[in-house]
Amino acid sequence: MIPRTGIAILLIGLWSCTSFSEFIPVLRVGDELIDRPELMSDSLRANVVLVLSYYNEDWKMEGERLLVSQTDRELLWNYTMKAMDRTWMATHTPTQTKP
């Protein structure tokens, strides 16, 4: 049996191993997914945070940079599209958001 402190240390270690990269908006052009960093604005960043929170994705802020643990480009495109969709944003509320 692992003592409780050992479990806590293990969980903290696993949590800290999560790697993050900067979220860059992704658009689909034909069959290609294209990074469009120039689309990032304060309002898009706020919407992406709400989308990520809705899907319980790991994210954090470093200054003005939004960092995410998810790197699947199709999924990042999907999150970008949802964050830009006013109807989706108006009808979906995350259960929690990080400060």
N, C-alpha and C. Protein backbone atom coordinates (compact mmCIF):
# COMPACT_ATOMS: atom_id res chain seq x y z
N MET A 1 0.84 -1.18 0.00
CA MET A 1 0.00 0.00 0.00
C MET A 1 0.89 1.25 0.00
N ILE A 2 0.54 2.22 -0.83
CA ILE A 2 1.30 3.47 -0.91
C ILE A 2 0.72 4.45 0.11
N PRO A 3 1.58 5.06 0.93
CA PRO A 3 1.06 6.04 1.89
C PRO A 3 0.46 7.25 1.16
N ARG A 4 -0.45 7.94 1.84
CA ARG A 4 -1.14 9.09 1.23
C ARG A 4 -0.16 10.14 0.72
N THR A 5 0.91 10.40 1.46
CA THR A 5 1.87 11.41 0.99
C THR A 5 2.54 10.95 -0.30
N GLY A 6 2.76 9.66 -0.43
CA GLY A 6 3.34 9.13 -1.65
C GLY A 6 2.41 9.30 -2.84
N ILE A 7 1.13 9.09 -2.63
CA ILE A 7 0.14 9.29 -3.69
C ILE A 7 0.09 10.75 -4.09
N ALA A 8 0.09 11.64 -3.10
CA ALA A 8 0.05 13.08 -3.38
C ALA A 8 1.27 13.50 -4.19
N ILE A 9 2.44 13.02 -3.82
CA ILE A 9 3.66 13.36 -4.54
C ILE A 9 3.60 12.82 -5.97
N LEU A 10 3.11 11.61 -6.14
CA LEU A 10 2.97 11.01 -7.46
C LEU A 10 2.02 11.83 -8.33
N LEU A 11 0.88 12.22 -7.78
CA LEU A 11 -0.09 13.01 -8.55
C LEU A 11 0.47 14.37 -8.92
N ILE A 12 1.16 15.01 -8.00
CA ILE A 12 1.78 16.31 -8.29
C ILE A 12 2.84 16.14 -9.38
N GLY A 13 3.60 15.09 -9.32
CA GLY A 13 4.61 14.82 -10.32
C GLY A 13 4.00 14.60 -11.69
N LEU A 14 2.92 13.83 -11.76
CA LEU A 14 2.24 13.60 -13.03
C LEU A 14 1.66 14.90 -13.58
N TRP A 15 1.07 15.72 -12.72
CA TRP A 15 0.48 16.98 -13.14
C TRP A 15 1.55 17.91 -13.70
N SER A 16 2.70 17.95 -13.06
CA SER A 16 3.75 18.87 -13.50
C SER A 16 4.43 18.40 -14.78
N CYS A 17 4.21 17.14 -15.18
CA CYS A 17 4.80 16.62 -16.41
C CYS A 17 4.02 17.04 -17.65
N THR A 18 2.84 17.59 -17.46
CA THR A 18 2.05 18.03 -18.59
C THR A 18 2.79 19.14 -19.31
N SER A 19 3.00 18.95 -20.60
CA SER A 19 3.70 20.00 -21.34
C SER A 19 2.66 20.89 -22.02
N PHE A 20 3.00 22.14 -22.13
CA PHE A 20 2.11 23.14 -22.70
C PHE A 20 2.79 23.81 -23.88
N SER A 21 1.99 24.21 -24.86
CA SER A 21 2.49 25.01 -25.97
C SER A 21 1.49 26.13 -26.22
N GLU A 22 1.96 27.18 -26.89
CA GLU A 22 1.09 28.33 -27.12
C GLU A 22 -0.04 27.96 -28.08
N PHE A 23 -1.25 28.40 -27.73
CA PHE A 23 -2.40 28.19 -28.61
C PHE A 23 -2.30 29.18 -29.76
N ILE A 24 -2.34 28.67 -30.96
CA ILE A 24 -2.36 29.49 -32.17
C ILE A 24 -3.63 29.11 -32.93
N PRO A 25 -4.46 30.12 -33.28
CA PRO A 25 -5.67 29.80 -34.03
C PRO A 25 -5.34 29.03 -35.31
N VAL A 26 -6.19 28.07 -35.62
CA VAL A 26 -6.00 27.22 -36.80
C VAL A 26 -7.25 27.33 -37.68
N LEU A 27 -7.04 27.57 -38.96
CA LEU A 27 -8.13 27.60 -39.93
C LEU A 27 -7.91 26.51 -40.97
N ARG A 28 -9.02 26.08 -41.57
CA ARG A 28 -8.94 25.09 -42.65
C ARG A 28 -9.05 25.84 -43.97
N VAL A 29 -8.08 25.62 -44.84
CA VAL A 29 -8.10 26.18 -46.19
C VAL A 29 -8.02 24.99 -47.13
N GLY A 30 -9.15 24.67 -47.76
CA GLY A 30 -9.22 23.46 -48.57
C GLY A 30 -9.06 22.26 -47.66
N ASP A 31 -8.07 21.43 -47.96
CA ASP A 31 -7.80 20.25 -47.13
C ASP A 31 -6.68 20.50 -46.14
N GLU A 32 -6.20 21.72 -46.05
CA GLU A 32 -5.03 22.03 -45.23
C GLU A 32 -5.41 22.84 -44.00
N LEU A 33 -4.78 22.51 -42.87
CA LEU A 33 -4.94 23.29 -41.64
C LEU A 33 -3.79 24.29 -41.57
N ILE A 34 -4.14 25.57 -41.41
CA ILE A 34 -3.17 26.65 -41.44
C ILE A 34 -3.16 27.39 -40.11
N ASP A 35 -1.98 27.58 -39.54
CA ASP A 35 -1.84 28.41 -38.33
C ASP A 35 -2.05 29.86 -38.71
N ARG A 36 -2.86 30.58 -37.94
CA ARG A 36 -3.14 31.98 -38.20
C ARG A 36 -2.96 32.79 -36.91
N PRO A 37 -1.71 32.94 -36.44
CA PRO A 37 -1.48 33.64 -35.17
C PRO A 37 -1.98 35.08 -35.16
N GLU A 38 -2.06 35.71 -36.33
CA GLU A 38 -2.51 37.10 -36.39
C GLU A 38 -3.99 37.25 -36.03
N LEU A 39 -4.73 36.15 -36.00
CA LEU A 39 -6.15 36.21 -35.61
C LEU A 39 -6.34 36.33 -34.10
N MET A 40 -5.30 36.01 -33.32
CA MET A 40 -5.46 36.03 -31.87
C MET A 40 -5.66 37.47 -31.40
N SER A 41 -6.76 37.66 -30.69
CA SER A 41 -7.09 38.94 -30.08
C SER A 41 -7.50 38.67 -28.64
N ASP A 42 -7.70 39.71 -27.88
CA ASP A 42 -8.15 39.52 -26.50
C ASP A 42 -9.49 38.79 -26.46
N SER A 43 -10.42 39.16 -27.35
CA SER A 43 -11.73 38.53 -27.33
C SER A 43 -11.67 37.07 -27.79
N LEU A 44 -10.86 36.78 -28.82
CA LEU A 44 -10.72 35.39 -29.25
C LEU A 44 -10.07 34.56 -28.15
N ARG A 45 -9.03 35.12 -27.51
CA ARG A 45 -8.36 34.41 -26.42
C ARG A 45 -9.37 34.06 -25.31
N ALA A 46 -10.19 35.03 -24.94
CA ALA A 46 -11.20 34.80 -23.89
C ALA A 46 -12.19 33.72 -24.32
N ASN A 47 -12.60 33.74 -25.59
CA ASN A 47 -13.52 32.71 -26.09
C ASN A 47 -12.86 31.33 -26.12
N VAL A 48 -11.60 31.27 -26.53
CA VAL A 48 -10.90 29.98 -26.55
C VAL A 48 -10.81 29.43 -25.13
N VAL A 49 -10.54 30.27 -24.16
CA VAL A 49 -10.48 29.83 -22.76
C VAL A 49 -11.82 29.21 -22.35
N LEU A 50 -12.91 29.84 -22.75
CA LEU A 50 -14.23 29.29 -22.42
C LEU A 50 -14.46 27.95 -23.11
N VAL A 51 -14.04 27.83 -24.36
CA VAL A 51 -14.18 26.56 -25.09
C VAL A 51 -13.34 25.48 -24.41
N LEU A 52 -12.09 25.80 -24.10
CA LEU A 52 -11.21 24.83 -23.44
C LEU A 52 -11.79 24.40 -22.09
N SER A 53 -12.32 25.36 -21.35
CA SER A 53 -12.92 25.05 -20.05
C SER A 53 -14.15 24.17 -20.22
N TYR A 54 -14.94 24.43 -21.25
CA TYR A 54 -16.13 23.63 -21.51
C TYR A 54 -15.76 22.16 -21.71
N TYR A 55 -14.64 21.93 -22.40
CA TYR A 55 -14.18 20.57 -22.68
C TYR A 55 -13.18 20.04 -21.66
N ASN A 56 -13.02 20.77 -20.56
CA ASN A 56 -12.11 20.36 -19.47
C ASN A 56 -10.69 20.11 -19.96
N GLU A 57 -10.24 20.93 -20.90
CA GLU A 57 -8.86 20.84 -21.39
C GLU A 57 -7.94 21.62 -20.44
N ASP A 58 -6.71 21.15 -20.30
CA ASP A 58 -5.72 21.86 -19.50
C ASP A 58 -5.22 23.08 -20.26
N TRP A 59 -5.17 24.21 -19.58
CA TRP A 59 -4.66 25.45 -20.17
C TRP A 59 -4.12 26.32 -19.05
N LYS A 60 -3.31 27.28 -19.42
CA LYS A 60 -2.81 28.26 -18.46
C LYS A 60 -2.37 29.50 -19.22
N MET A 61 -2.27 30.58 -18.50
CA MET A 61 -1.84 31.84 -19.09
C MET A 61 -0.43 32.14 -18.61
N GLU A 62 0.40 32.63 -19.52
CA GLU A 62 1.72 33.17 -19.19
C GLU A 62 1.76 34.55 -19.81
N GLY A 63 1.49 35.55 -19.00
CA GLY A 63 1.35 36.90 -19.53
C GLY A 63 0.15 36.94 -20.45
N GLU A 64 0.33 37.33 -21.68
CA GLU A 64 -0.75 37.38 -22.67
C GLU A 64 -0.85 36.09 -23.48
N ARG A 65 0.05 35.15 -23.23
CA ARG A 65 0.08 33.91 -24.00
C ARG A 65 -0.83 32.86 -23.38
N LEU A 66 -1.70 32.29 -24.19
CA LEU A 66 -2.55 31.18 -23.78
C LEU A 66 -1.81 29.89 -24.11
N LEU A 67 -1.56 29.08 -23.10
CA LEU A 67 -0.86 27.82 -23.29
C LEU A 67 -1.83 26.66 -23.10
N VAL A 68 -1.72 25.66 -23.97
CA VAL A 68 -2.62 24.51 -23.92
C VAL A 68 -1.80 23.23 -23.93
N SER A 69 -2.38 22.18 -23.38
CA SER A 69 -1.69 20.89 -23.39
C SER A 69 -2.07 20.09 -24.64
N GLN A 70 -3.13 20.48 -25.29
CA GLN A 70 -3.61 19.77 -26.47
C GLN A 70 -2.84 20.22 -27.71
N THR A 71 -2.35 19.28 -28.51
CA THR A 71 -1.61 19.65 -29.72
C THR A 71 -2.18 19.04 -30.99
N ASP A 72 -3.28 18.31 -30.88
CA ASP A 72 -3.91 17.73 -32.06
C ASP A 72 -4.47 18.87 -32.92
N ARG A 73 -3.98 19.00 -34.15
CA ARG A 73 -4.34 20.16 -34.99
C ARG A 73 -5.82 20.18 -35.37
N GLU A 74 -6.41 19.03 -35.61
CA GLU A 74 -7.85 18.99 -35.91
C GLU A 74 -8.65 19.52 -34.73
N LEU A 75 -8.24 19.12 -33.53
CA LEU A 75 -8.93 19.57 -32.33
C LEU A 75 -8.71 21.07 -32.10
N LEU A 76 -7.49 21.55 -32.34
CA LEU A 76 -7.23 22.99 -32.20
C LEU A 76 -8.04 23.78 -33.21
N TRP A 77 -8.20 23.26 -34.42
CA TRP A 77 -9.05 23.90 -35.43
C TRP A 77 -10.49 23.95 -34.93
N ASN A 78 -10.95 22.80 -34.40
CA ASN A 78 -12.31 22.73 -33.89
C ASN A 78 -12.52 23.76 -32.78
N TYR A 79 -11.58 23.87 -31.86
CA TYR A 79 -11.70 24.85 -30.78
C TYR A 79 -11.67 26.28 -31.32
N THR A 80 -10.84 26.53 -32.33
CA THR A 80 -10.80 27.86 -32.95
C THR A 80 -12.16 28.19 -33.55
N MET A 81 -12.74 27.25 -34.28
CA MET A 81 -14.03 27.49 -34.93
C MET A 81 -15.13 27.74 -33.90
N LYS A 82 -15.13 26.97 -32.83
CA LYS A 82 -16.14 27.18 -31.79
C LYS A 82 -15.96 28.55 -31.13
N ALA A 83 -14.72 28.94 -30.89
CA ALA A 83 -14.45 30.24 -30.25
C ALA A 83 -14.87 31.40 -31.15
N MET A 84 -14.92 31.18 -32.45
CA MET A 84 -15.30 32.24 -33.40
C MET A 84 -16.79 32.19 -33.74
N ASP A 85 -17.50 31.18 -33.26
CA ASP A 85 -18.91 30.98 -33.58
C ASP A 85 -19.79 31.58 -32.48
N ARG A 86 -20.42 32.70 -32.77
CA ARG A 86 -21.23 33.40 -31.77
C ARG A 86 -22.38 32.54 -31.25
N THR A 87 -22.99 31.76 -32.13
CA THR A 87 -24.10 30.90 -31.70
C THR A 87 -23.62 29.85 -30.72
N TRP A 88 -22.50 29.19 -31.04
CA TRP A 88 -21.95 28.17 -30.14
C TRP A 88 -21.61 28.80 -28.80
N MET A 89 -20.95 29.96 -28.85
CA MET A 89 -20.54 30.62 -27.61
C MET A 89 -21.75 31.01 -26.76
N ALA A 90 -22.85 31.39 -27.39
CA ALA A 90 -24.04 31.81 -26.66
C ALA A 90 -24.80 30.64 -26.04
N THR A 91 -24.58 29.44 -26.57
CA THR A 91 -25.36 28.29 -26.11
C THR A 91 -24.56 27.28 -25.29
N HIS A 92 -23.30 27.55 -25.04
CA HIS A 92 -22.46 26.63 -24.27
C HIS A 92 -21.77 27.39 -23.14
N THR A 93 -21.92 26.87 -21.94
CA THR A 93 -21.32 27.49 -20.78
C THR A 93 -20.42 26.47 -20.10
N PRO A 94 -19.15 26.83 -19.87
CA PRO A 94 -18.28 25.88 -19.16
C PRO A 94 -18.73 25.72 -17.72
N THR A 95 -18.45 24.54 -17.17
CA THR A 95 -18.83 24.29 -15.78
C THR A 95 -17.90 25.02 -14.83
N GLN A 96 -16.69 25.30 -15.26
CA GLN A 96 -15.75 26.03 -14.42
C GLN A 96 -14.69 26.67 -15.29
N THR A 97 -14.11 27.75 -14.79
CA THR A 97 -12.99 28.39 -15.47
C THR A 97 -11.91 28.64 -14.46
N LYS A 98 -10.68 28.73 -14.94
CA LYS A 98 -9.56 29.02 -14.07
C LYS A 98 -9.43 30.53 -13.93
N PRO A 99 -8.91 31.00 -12.80
CA PRO A 99 -8.72 32.45 -12.64
C PRO A 99 -7.69 32.98 -13.60
